[in-house]
Amino acid sequence: MIAQTPKPPYYAVIFTSLRTDVDNGYESTADRMVELAQQQPGYLGHESARNELGITVSYWESVEAIKNWKKNTEHLMAQQKGREEWYANYKTRICLVERDYEFLK
């Protein structure tokens, strides 16, 4: 599903990852992170896709909202487990969205 975001400007956090073969609670933790993010002040939505390469883009009202999400205790624990078990490699990018447009059918 494509996130319905407000009129720019707003921020996008792009999380790109390569998984290891270890599952060990990954799916349930990923679902919980979505649930928690949705409760964070400043959260606007997200989009996610995974084949070999995983890409999740979350949208936020401000850099402050992103920083607060990064400091969430459960999120910090999931990040640690990700580094230790779930991800072979990942990269996070934070971007200012200055313009967006869409096509609807």
PDB file of N, CA and C in Angstrom:
ATOM      1  N   MET A   1       0.832  -1.171   0.000  1.00  0.00           N
ATOM      2  CA  MET A   1       0.000   0.000   0.000  1.00  0.00           C
ATOM      3  C   MET A   1       0.888   1.251   0.000  1.00  0.00           C
ATOM      4  N   ILE A   2       0.495   2.242  -0.725  1.00  0.00           N
ATOM      5  CA  ILE A   2       1.250   3.497  -0.796  1.00  0.00           C
ATOM      6  C   ILE A   2       0.766   4.413   0.327  1.00  0.00           C
ATOM      7  N   ALA A   3       1.701   4.926   1.115  1.00  0.00           N
ATOM      8  CA  ALA A   3       1.364   5.807   2.235  1.00  0.00           C
ATOM      9  C   ALA A   3       0.763   7.109   1.720  1.00  0.00           C
ATOM     10  N   GLN A   4      -0.254   7.562   2.391  1.00  0.00           N
ATOM     11  CA  GLN A   4      -0.870   8.847   2.076  1.00  0.00           C
ATOM     12  C   GLN A   4      -0.231   9.908   2.963  1.00  0.00           C
ATOM     13  N   THR A   5       0.653  10.676   2.378  1.00  0.00           N
ATOM     14  CA  THR A   5       1.415  11.670   3.127  1.00  0.00           C
ATOM     15  C   THR A   5       0.820  13.067   2.898  1.00  0.00           C
ATOM     16  N   PRO A   6       1.103  13.984   3.815  1.00  0.00           N
ATOM     17  CA  PRO A   6       0.594  15.352   3.655  1.00  0.00           C
ATOM     18  C   PRO A   6       1.380  16.120   2.603  1.00  0.00           C
ATOM     19  N   LYS A   7       0.964  17.311   2.358  1.00  0.00           N
ATOM     20  CA  LYS A   7       1.696  18.194   1.450  1.00  0.00           C
ATOM     21  C   LYS A   7       3.102  18.432   2.016  1.00  0.00           C
ATOM     22  N   PRO A   8       4.150  18.339   1.174  1.00  0.00           N
ATOM     23  CA  PRO A   8       5.512  18.580   1.656  1.00  0.00           C
ATOM     24  C   PRO A   8       5.669  20.012   2.176  1.00  0.00           C
ATOM     25  N   PRO A   9       6.687  20.233   2.983  1.00  0.00           N
ATOM     26  CA  PRO A   9       7.794  19.341   3.295  1.00  0.00           C
ATOM     27  C   PRO A   9       7.478  18.399   4.461  1.00  0.00           C
ATOM     28  N   TYR A  10       8.113  17.246   4.413  1.00  0.00           N
ATOM     29  CA  TYR A  10       8.138  16.264   5.490  1.00  0.00           C
ATOM     30  C   TYR A  10       9.390  15.429   5.272  1.00  0.00           C
ATOM     31  N   TYR A  11       9.640  14.482   6.148  1.00  0.00           N
ATOM     32  CA  TYR A  11      10.882  13.711   6.076  1.00  0.00           C
ATOM     33  C   TYR A  11      10.621  12.252   5.771  1.00  0.00           C
ATOM     34  N   ALA A  12      11.581  11.628   5.102  1.00  0.00           N
ATOM     35  CA  ALA A  12      11.540  10.200   4.805  1.00  0.00           C
ATOM     36  C   ALA A  12      12.797   9.556   5.395  1.00  0.00           C
ATOM     37  N   VAL A  13      12.598   8.431   6.064  1.00  0.00           N
ATOM     38  CA  VAL A  13      13.710   7.614   6.534  1.00  0.00           C
ATOM     39  C   VAL A  13      13.703   6.364   5.664  1.00  0.00           C
ATOM     40  N   ILE A  14      14.774   6.177   4.913  1.00  0.00           N
ATOM     41  CA  ILE A  14      14.891   5.034   4.003  1.00  0.00           C
ATOM     42  C   ILE A  14      15.838   4.019   4.645  1.00  0.00           C
ATOM     43  N   PHE A  15      15.286   2.848   4.953  1.00  0.00           N
ATOM     44  CA  PHE A  15      16.068   1.782   5.579  1.00  0.00           C
ATOM     45  C   PHE A  15      16.188   0.652   4.559  1.00  0.00           C
ATOM     46  N   THR A  16      17.402   0.419   4.074  1.00  0.00           N
ATOM     47  CA  THR A  16      17.681  -0.607   3.081  1.00  0.00           C
ATOM     48  C   THR A  16      18.518  -1.691   3.749  1.00  0.00           C
ATOM     49  N   SER A  17      18.125  -2.963   3.548  1.00  0.00           N
ATOM     50  CA  SER A  17      18.816  -4.020   4.279  1.00  0.00           C
ATOM     51  C   SER A  17      18.959  -5.306   3.485  1.00  0.00           C
ATOM     52  N   LEU A  18      19.981  -6.055   3.862  1.00  0.00           N
ATOM     53  CA  LEU A  18      20.184  -7.428   3.407  1.00  0.00           C
ATOM     54  C   LEU A  18      20.111  -8.304   4.645  1.00  0.00           C
ATOM     55  N   ARG A  19      19.257  -9.319   4.608  1.00  0.00           N
ATOM     56  CA  ARG A  19      19.037 -10.196   5.752  1.00  0.00           C
ATOM     57  C   ARG A  19      20.073 -11.308   5.820  1.00  0.00           C
ATOM     58  N   THR A  20      20.237 -11.849   7.016  1.00  0.00           N
ATOM     59  CA  THR A  20      20.961 -13.104   7.205  1.00  0.00           C
ATOM     60  C   THR A  20      19.931 -14.226   7.053  1.00  0.00           C
ATOM     61  N   ASP A  21      20.339 -15.455   7.266  1.00  0.00           N
ATOM     62  CA  ASP A  21      19.410 -16.586   7.217  1.00  0.00           C
ATOM     63  C   ASP A  21      18.686 -16.790   8.551  1.00  0.00           C
ATOM     64  N   VAL A  22      19.009 -16.009   9.563  1.00  0.00           N
ATOM     65  CA  VAL A  22      18.416 -16.158  10.892  1.00  0.00           C
ATOM     66  C   VAL A  22      17.052 -15.478  10.933  1.00  0.00           C
ATOM     67  N   ASP A  23      16.029 -16.228  11.370  1.00  0.00           N
ATOM     68  CA  ASP A  23      14.695 -15.643  11.521  1.00  0.00           C
ATOM     69  C   ASP A  23      14.492 -15.224  12.972  1.00  0.00           C
ATOM     70  N   ASN A  24      14.447 -16.161  13.887  1.00  0.00           N
ATOM     71  CA  ASN A  24      14.424 -15.929  15.330  1.00  0.00           C
ATOM     72  C   ASN A  24      13.589 -14.719  15.763  1.00  0.00           C
ATOM     73  N   GLY A  25      12.313 -14.698  15.368  1.00  0.00           N
ATOM     74  CA  GLY A  25      11.411 -13.637  15.797  1.00  0.00           C
ATOM     75  C   GLY A  25      11.406 -12.390  14.937  1.00  0.00           C
ATOM     76  N   TYR A  26      12.056 -12.436  13.787  1.00  0.00           N
ATOM     77  CA  TYR A  26      12.150 -11.243  12.939  1.00  0.00           C
ATOM     78  C   TYR A  26      10.776 -10.704  12.552  1.00  0.00           C
ATOM     79  N   GLU A  27       9.908 -11.555  12.012  1.00  0.00           N
ATOM     80  CA  GLU A  27       8.602 -11.091  11.514  1.00  0.00           C
ATOM     81  C   GLU A  27       7.763 -10.458  12.614  1.00  0.00           C
ATOM     82  N   SER A  28       7.702 -11.104  13.771  1.00  0.00           N
ATOM     83  CA  SER A  28       6.897 -10.545  14.863  1.00  0.00           C
ATOM     84  C   SER A  28       7.489  -9.223  15.358  1.00  0.00           C
ATOM     85  N   THR A  29       8.799  -9.113  15.370  1.00  0.00           N
ATOM     86  CA  THR A  29       9.442  -7.864  15.780  1.00  0.00           C
ATOM     87  C   THR A  29       9.194  -6.776  14.750  1.00  0.00           C
ATOM     88  N   ALA A  30       9.286  -7.113  13.471  1.00  0.00           N
ATOM     89  CA  ALA A  30       9.010  -6.133  12.418  1.00  0.00           C
ATOM     90  C   ALA A  30       7.575  -5.620  12.530  1.00  0.00           C
ATOM     91  N   ASP A  31       6.628  -6.524  12.772  1.00  0.00           N
ATOM     92  CA  ASP A  31       5.228  -6.114  12.955  1.00  0.00           C
ATOM     93  C   ASP A  31       5.085  -5.202  14.166  1.00  0.00           C
ATOM     94  N   ARG A  32       5.776  -5.530  15.244  1.00  0.00           N
ATOM     95  CA  ARG A  32       5.714  -4.707  16.451  1.00  0.00           C
ATOM     96  C   ARG A  32       6.307  -3.330  16.210  1.00  0.00           C
ATOM     97  N   MET A  33       7.377  -3.238  15.423  1.00  0.00           N
ATOM     98  CA  MET A  33       7.986  -1.939  15.137  1.00  0.00           C
ATOM     99  C   MET A  33       7.018  -1.056  14.354  1.00  0.00           C
ATOM    100  N   VAL A  34       6.275  -1.638  13.429  1.00  0.00           N
ATOM    101  CA  VAL A  34       5.266  -0.868  12.687  1.00  0.00           C
ATOM    102  C   VAL A  34       4.204  -0.360  13.661  1.00  0.00           C
ATOM    103  N   GLU A  35       3.734  -1.239  14.526  1.00  0.00           N
ATOM    104  CA  GLU A  35       2.722  -0.866  15.516  1.00  0.00           C
ATOM    105  C   GLU A  35       3.218   0.280  16.406  1.00  0.00           C
ATOM    106  N   LEU A  36       4.447   0.175  16.884  1.00  0.00           N
ATOM    107  CA  LEU A  36       5.018   1.220  17.732  1.00  0.00           C
ATOM    108  C   LEU A  36       5.230   2.530  16.974  1.00  0.00           C
ATOM    109  N   ALA A  37       5.757   2.435  15.764  1.00  0.00           N
ATOM    110  CA  ALA A  37       6.005   3.648  14.973  1.00  0.00           C
ATOM    111  C   ALA A  37       4.706   4.407  14.749  1.00  0.00           C
ATOM    112  N   GLN A  38       3.627   3.682  14.482  1.00  0.00           N
ATOM    113  CA  GLN A  38       2.336   4.312  14.244  1.00  0.00           C
ATOM    114  C   GLN A  38       1.835   5.086  15.458  1.00  0.00           C
ATOM    115  N   GLN A  39       2.320   4.736  16.637  1.00  0.00           N
ATOM    116  CA  GLN A  39       1.928   5.419  17.871  1.00  0.00           C
ATOM    117  C   GLN A  39       2.812   6.624  18.182  1.00  0.00           C
ATOM    118  N   GLN A  40       3.920   6.765  17.463  1.00  0.00           N
ATOM    119  CA  GLN A  40       4.860   7.855  17.723  1.00  0.00           C
ATOM    120  C   GLN A  40       4.313   9.183  17.213  1.00  0.00           C
ATOM    121  N   PRO A  41       4.412  10.243  18.009  1.00  0.00           N
ATOM    122  CA  PRO A  41       4.055  11.568  17.498  1.00  0.00           C
ATOM    123  C   PRO A  41       4.919  11.915  16.282  1.00  0.00           C
ATOM    124  N   GLY A  42       4.292  12.429  15.245  1.00  0.00           N
ATOM    125  CA  GLY A  42       5.020  12.825  14.035  1.00  0.00           C
ATOM    126  C   GLY A  42       5.093  11.765  12.962  1.00  0.00           C
ATOM    127  N   TYR A  43       4.627  10.539  13.246  1.00  0.00           N
ATOM    128  CA  TYR A  43       4.624   9.473  12.243  1.00  0.00           C
ATOM    129  C   TYR A  43       3.549   9.765  11.201  1.00  0.00           C
ATOM    130  N   LEU A  44       3.910   9.623   9.922  1.00  0.00           N
ATOM    131  CA  LEU A  44       2.978   9.918   8.834  1.00  0.00           C
ATOM    132  C   LEU A  44       2.590   8.692   8.009  1.00  0.00           C
ATOM    133  N   GLY A  45       3.375   7.619   8.073  1.00  0.00           N
ATOM    134  CA  GLY A  45       3.089   6.420   7.286  1.00  0.00           C
ATOM    135  C   GLY A  45       4.375   5.724   6.896  1.00  0.00           C
ATOM    136  N   HIS A  46       4.217   4.596   6.200  1.00  0.00           N
ATOM    137  CA  HIS A  46       5.401   3.866   5.736  1.00  0.00           C
ATOM    138  C   HIS A  46       5.038   2.984   4.546  1.00  0.00           C
ATOM    139  N   GLU A  47       6.075   2.562   3.848  1.00  0.00           N
ATOM    140  CA  GLU A  47       5.975   1.615   2.732  1.00  0.00           C
ATOM    141  C   GLU A  47       7.142   0.647   2.873  1.00  0.00           C
ATOM    142  N   SER A  48       6.894  -0.621   2.534  1.00  0.00           N
ATOM    143  CA  SER A  48       7.946  -1.611   2.718  1.00  0.00           C
ATOM    144  C   SER A  48       7.849  -2.694   1.654  1.00  0.00           C
ATOM    145  N   ALA A  49       9.010  -3.171   1.211  1.00  0.00           N
ATOM    146  CA  ALA A  49       9.078  -4.271   0.247  1.00  0.00           C
ATOM    147  C   ALA A  49      10.337  -5.076   0.544  1.00  0.00           C
ATOM    148  N   ARG A  50      10.223  -6.393   0.374  1.00  0.00           N
ATOM    149  CA  ARG A  50      11.400  -7.239   0.583  1.00  0.00           C
ATOM    150  C   ARG A  50      11.372  -8.380  -0.412  1.00  0.00           C
ATOM    151  N   ASN A  51      12.487  -8.548  -1.086  1.00  0.00           N
ATOM    152  CA  ASN A  51      12.773  -9.734  -1.869  1.00  0.00           C
ATOM    153  C   ASN A  51      14.118 -10.175  -1.327  1.00  0.00           C
ATOM    154  N   GLU A  52      15.170 -10.059  -2.088  1.00  0.00           N
ATOM    155  CA  GLU A  52      16.500 -10.250  -1.502  1.00  0.00           C
ATOM    156  C   GLU A  52      16.904  -8.991  -0.741  1.00  0.00           C
ATOM    157  N   LEU A  53      16.623  -7.847  -1.329  1.00  0.00           N
ATOM    158  CA  LEU A  53      16.907  -6.550  -0.730  1.00  0.00           C
ATOM    159  C   LEU A  53      15.625  -6.040  -0.091  1.00  0.00           C
ATOM    160  N   GLY A  54      15.715  -5.581   1.139  1.00  0.00           N
ATOM    161  CA  GLY A  54      14.553  -5.016   1.814  1.00  0.00           C
ATOM    162  C   GLY A  54      14.660  -3.506   1.834  1.00  0.00           C
ATOM    163  N   ILE A  55      13.545  -2.834   1.566  1.00  0.00           N
ATOM    164  CA  ILE A  55      13.503  -1.375   1.625  1.00  0.00           C
ATOM    165  C   ILE A  55      12.243  -0.975   2.381  1.00  0.00           C
ATOM    166  N   THR A  56      12.432  -0.230   3.444  1.00  0.00           N
ATOM    167  CA  THR A  56      11.318   0.344   4.181  1.00  0.00           C
ATOM    168  C   THR A  56      11.524   1.848   4.222  1.00  0.00           C
ATOM    169  N   VAL A  57      10.492   2.577   3.837  1.00  0.00           N
ATOM    170  CA  VAL A  57      10.524   4.033   3.894  1.00  0.00           C
ATOM    171  C   VAL A  57       9.450   4.459   4.881  1.00  0.00           C
ATOM    172  N   SER A  58       9.854   5.166   5.926  1.00  0.00           N
ATOM    173  CA  SER A  58       8.881   5.717   6.852  1.00  0.00           C
ATOM    174  C   SER A  58       8.887   7.237   6.705  1.00  0.00           C
ATOM    175  N   TYR A  59       7.730   7.832   6.930  1.00  0.00           N
ATOM    176  CA  TYR A  59       7.544   9.272   6.718  1.00  0.00           C
ATOM    177  C   TYR A  59       7.236   9.948   8.043  1.00  0.00           C
ATOM    178  N   TRP A  60       7.836  11.113   8.247  1.00  0.00           N
ATOM    179  CA  TRP A  60       7.780  11.802   9.532  1.00  0.00           C
ATOM    180  C   TRP A  60       7.592  13.300   9.334  1.00  0.00           C
ATOM    181  N   GLU A  61       6.947  13.928  10.311  1.00  0.00           N
ATOM    182  CA  GLU A  61       6.717  15.375  10.259  1.00  0.00           C
ATOM    183  C   GLU A  61       7.994  16.179  10.431  1.00  0.00           C
ATOM    184  N   SER A  62       8.948  15.664  11.221  1.00  0.00           N
ATOM    185  CA  SER A  62      10.125  16.462  11.557  1.00  0.00           C
ATOM    186  C   SER A  62      11.318  15.569  11.900  1.00  0.00           C
ATOM    187  N   VAL A  63      12.488  16.192  11.919  1.00  0.00           N
ATOM    188  CA  VAL A  63      13.703  15.498  12.348  1.00  0.00           C
ATOM    189  C   VAL A  63      13.568  15.128  13.820  1.00  0.00           C
ATOM    190  N   GLU A  64      12.945  15.998  14.604  1.00  0.00           N
ATOM    191  CA  GLU A  64      12.728  15.721  16.022  1.00  0.00           C
ATOM    192  C   GLU A  64      11.919  14.440  16.218  1.00  0.00           C
ATOM    193  N   ALA A  65      10.869  14.250  15.426  1.00  0.00           N
ATOM    194  CA  ALA A  65      10.050  13.030  15.506  1.00  0.00           C
ATOM    195  C   ALA A  65      10.886  11.794  15.176  1.00  0.00           C
ATOM    196  N   ILE A  66      11.764  11.914  14.187  1.00  0.00           N
ATOM    197  CA  ILE A  66      12.648  10.798  13.818  1.00  0.00           C
ATOM    198  C   ILE A  66      13.599  10.474  14.970  1.00  0.00           C
ATOM    199  N   LYS A  67      14.184  11.498  15.569  1.00  0.00           N
ATOM    200  CA  LYS A  67      15.099  11.288  16.699  1.00  0.00           C
ATOM    201  C   LYS A  67      14.386  10.612  17.863  1.00  0.00           C
ATOM    202  N   ASN A  68      13.156  11.028  18.130  1.00  0.00           N
ATOM    203  CA  ASN A  68      12.393  10.419  19.221  1.00  0.00           C
ATOM    204  C   ASN A  68      12.084   8.956  18.930  1.00  0.00           C
ATOM    205  N   TRP A  69      11.772   8.630  17.679  1.00  0.00           N
ATOM    206  CA  TRP A  69      11.532   7.235  17.303  1.00  0.00           C
ATOM    207  C   TRP A  69      12.811   6.419  17.471  1.00  0.00           C
ATOM    208  N   LYS A  70      13.933   6.978  17.066  1.00  0.00           N
ATOM    209  CA  LYS A  70      15.205   6.263  17.178  1.00  0.00           C
ATOM    210  C   LYS A  70      15.527   5.937  18.636  1.00  0.00           C
ATOM    211  N   LYS A  71      15.063   6.762  19.580  1.00  0.00           N
ATOM    212  CA  LYS A  71      15.345   6.564  21.001  1.00  0.00           C
ATOM    213  C   LYS A  71      14.328   5.654  21.706  1.00  0.00           C
ATOM    214  N   ASN A  72      13.282   5.219  21.017  1.00  0.00           N
ATOM    215  CA  ASN A  72      12.284   4.338  21.622  1.00  0.00           C
ATOM    216  C   ASN A  72      12.961   3.061  22.121  1.00  0.00           C
ATOM    217  N   THR A  73      12.694   2.684  23.369  1.00  0.00           N
ATOM    218  CA  THR A  73      13.388   1.554  24.009  1.00  0.00           C
ATOM    219  C   THR A  73      13.226   0.252  23.234  1.00  0.00           C
ATOM    220  N   GLU A  74      12.013  -0.092  22.834  1.00  0.00           N
ATOM    221  CA  GLU A  74      11.807  -1.338  22.080  1.00  0.00           C
ATOM    222  C   GLU A  74      12.484  -1.275  20.718  1.00  0.00           C
ATOM    223  N   HIS A  75      12.470  -0.092  20.114  1.00  0.00           N
ATOM    224  CA  HIS A  75      13.134   0.096  18.823  1.00  0.00           C
ATOM    225  C   HIS A  75      14.645  -0.089  18.985  1.00  0.00           C
ATOM    226  N   LEU A  76      15.204   0.445  20.051  1.00  0.00           N
ATOM    227  CA  LEU A  76      16.643   0.268  20.310  1.00  0.00           C
ATOM    228  C   LEU A  76      17.002  -1.209  20.465  1.00  0.00           C
ATOM    229  N   MET A  77      16.145  -1.965  21.176  1.00  0.00           N
ATOM    230  CA  MET A  77      16.393  -3.397  21.360  1.00  0.00           C
ATOM    231  C   MET A  77      16.310  -4.133  20.027  1.00  0.00           C
ATOM    232  N   ALA A  78      15.345  -3.754  19.178  1.00  0.00           N
ATOM    233  CA  ALA A  78      15.215  -4.381  17.857  1.00  0.00           C
ATOM    234  C   ALA A  78      16.423  -4.051  16.984  1.00  0.00           C
ATOM    235  N   GLN A  79      16.911  -2.812  17.079  1.00  0.00           N
ATOM    236  CA  GLN A  79      18.104  -2.431  16.309  1.00  0.00           C
ATOM    237  C   GLN A  79      19.302  -3.288  16.707  1.00  0.00           C
ATOM    238  N   GLN A  80      19.468  -3.495  18.006  1.00  0.00           N
ATOM    239  CA  GLN A  80      20.587  -4.306  18.487  1.00  0.00           C
ATOM    240  C   GLN A  80      20.469  -5.742  17.975  1.00  0.00           C
ATOM    241  N   LYS A  81      19.273  -6.317  18.061  1.00  0.00           N
ATOM    242  CA  LYS A  81      19.078  -7.684  17.582  1.00  0.00           C
ATOM    243  C   LYS A  81      19.311  -7.746  16.071  1.00  0.00           C
ATOM    244  N   GLY A  82      18.913  -6.695  15.356  1.00  0.00           N
ATOM    245  CA  GLY A  82      19.150  -6.632  13.920  1.00  0.00           C
ATOM    246  C   GLY A  82      20.631  -6.691  13.589  1.00  0.00           C
ATOM    247  N   ARG A  83      21.425  -5.929  14.322  1.00  0.00           N
ATOM    248  CA  ARG A  83      22.882  -5.941  14.090  1.00  0.00           C
ATOM    249  C   ARG A  83      23.496  -7.287  14.458  1.00  0.00           C
ATOM    250  N   GLU A  84      22.985  -7.905  15.523  1.00  0.00           N
ATOM    251  CA  GLU A  84      23.559  -9.158  16.011  1.00  0.00           C
ATOM    252  C   GLU A  84      23.116 -10.381  15.209  1.00  0.00           C
ATOM    253  N   GLU A  85      21.867 -10.378  14.695  1.00  0.00           N
ATOM    254  CA  GLU A  85      21.324 -11.602  14.105  1.00  0.00           C
ATOM    255  C   GLU A  85      20.704 -11.452  12.722  1.00  0.00           C
ATOM    256  N   TRP A  86      19.873 -10.443  12.509  1.00  0.00           N
ATOM    257  CA  TRP A  86      18.990 -10.422  11.345  1.00  0.00           C
ATOM    258  C   TRP A  86      19.573  -9.806  10.082  1.00  0.00           C
ATOM    259  N   TYR A  87      20.496  -8.880  10.221  1.00  0.00           N
ATOM    260  CA  TYR A  87      20.992  -8.164   9.049  1.00  0.00           C
ATOM    261  C   TYR A  87      22.458  -8.458   8.770  1.00  0.00           C
ATOM    262  N   ALA A  88      22.747  -8.751   7.507  1.00  0.00           N
ATOM    263  CA  ALA A  88      24.127  -8.879   7.062  1.00  0.00           C
ATOM    264  C   ALA A  88      24.689  -7.490   6.769  1.00  0.00           C
ATOM    265  N   ASN A  89      23.777  -6.579   6.384  1.00  0.00           N
ATOM    266  CA  ASN A  89      24.173  -5.225   6.013  1.00  0.00           C
ATOM    267  C   ASN A  89      22.917  -4.359   5.991  1.00  0.00           C
ATOM    268  N   TYR A  90      23.049  -3.105   6.380  1.00  0.00           N
ATOM    269  CA  TYR A  90      21.937  -2.165   6.220  1.00  0.00           C
ATOM    270  C   TYR A  90      22.462  -0.752   6.109  1.00  0.00           C
ATOM    271  N   LYS A  91      21.617   0.109   5.592  1.00  0.00           N
ATOM    272  CA  LYS A  91      21.950   1.526   5.479  1.00  0.00           C
ATOM    273  C   LYS A  91      20.676   2.319   5.740  1.00  0.00           C
ATOM    274  N   THR A  92      20.803   3.407   6.488  1.00  0.00           N
ATOM    275  CA  THR A  92      19.678   4.290   6.767  1.00  0.00           C
ATOM    276  C   THR A  92      19.986   5.660   6.190  1.00  0.00           C
ATOM    277  N   ARG A  93      19.009   6.218   5.502  1.00  0.00           N
ATOM    278  CA  ARG A  93      19.145   7.554   4.916  1.00  0.00           C
ATOM    279  C   ARG A  93      17.952   8.400   5.386  1.00  0.00           C
ATOM    280  N   ILE A  94      18.213   9.640   5.748  1.00  0.00           N
ATOM    281  CA  ILE A  94      17.158  10.551   6.162  1.00  0.00           C
ATOM    282  C   ILE A  94      17.111  11.681   5.148  1.00  0.00           C
ATOM    283  N   CYS A  95      15.924  11.884   4.584  1.00  0.00           N
ATOM    284  CA  CYS A  95      15.765  12.823   3.473  1.00  0.00           C
ATOM    285  C   CYS A  95      14.625  13.802   3.737  1.00  0.00           C
ATOM    286  N   LEU A  96      14.783  15.006   3.256  1.00  0.00           N
ATOM    287  CA  LEU A  96      13.702  15.989   3.265  1.00  0.00           C
ATOM    288  C   LEU A  96      12.928  15.838   1.963  1.00  0.00           C
ATOM    289  N   VAL A  97      11.638  15.578   2.071  1.00  0.00           N
ATOM    290  CA  VAL A  97      10.785  15.497   0.882  1.00  0.00           C
ATOM    291  C   VAL A  97      10.290  16.910   0.599  1.00  0.00           C
ATOM    292  N   GLU A  98      10.704  17.448  -0.521  1.00  0.00           N
ATOM    293  CA  GLU A  98      10.327  18.809  -0.899  1.00  0.00           C
ATOM    294  C   GLU A  98       9.172  18.835  -1.876  1.00  0.00           C
ATOM    295  N   ARG A  99       8.964  17.705  -2.555  1.00  0.00           N
ATOM    296  CA  ARG A  99       7.920  17.662  -3.575  1.00  0.00           C
ATOM    297  C   ARG A  99       7.455  16.219  -3.698  1.00  0.00           C
ATOM    298  N   ASP A 100       6.152  16.032  -3.892  1.00  0.00           N
ATOM    299  CA  ASP A 100       5.641  14.727  -4.241  1.00  0.00           C
ATOM    300  C   ASP A 100       4.435  14.892  -5.171  1.00  0.00           C
ATOM    301  N   TYR A 101       4.183  13.887  -5.944  1.00  0.00           N
ATOM    302  CA  TYR A 101       3.030  13.876  -6.836  1.00  0.00           C
ATOM    303  C   TYR A 101       2.653  12.432  -7.076  1.00  0.00           C
ATOM    304  N   GLU A 102       1.448  12.207  -7.564  1.00  0.00           N
ATOM    305  CA  GLU A 102       1.009  10.822  -7.735  1.00  0.00           C
ATOM    306  C   GLU A 102       0.121  10.653  -8.956  1.00  0.00           C
ATOM    307  N   PHE A 103      -0.022   9.416  -9.350  1.00  0.00           N
ATOM    308  CA  PHE A 103      -0.946   9.003 -10.398  1.00  0.00           C
ATOM    309  C   PHE A 103      -1.931   8.035  -9.765  1.00  0.00           C
ATOM    310  N   LEU A 104      -3.197   8.293  -9.947  1.00  0.00           N
ATOM    311  CA  LEU A 104      -4.249   7.413  -9.428  1.00  0.00           C
ATOM    312  C   LEU A 104      -5.089   6.913 -10.591  1.00  0.00           C
ATOM    313  N   LYS A 105      -5.436   5.662 -10.564  1.00  0.00           N
ATOM    314  CA  LYS A 105      -6.282   5.109 -11.614  1.00  0.00           C
ATOM    315  C   LYS A 105      -7.603   4.682 -11.025  1.00  0.00           C
TER     316      LYS A 105
END
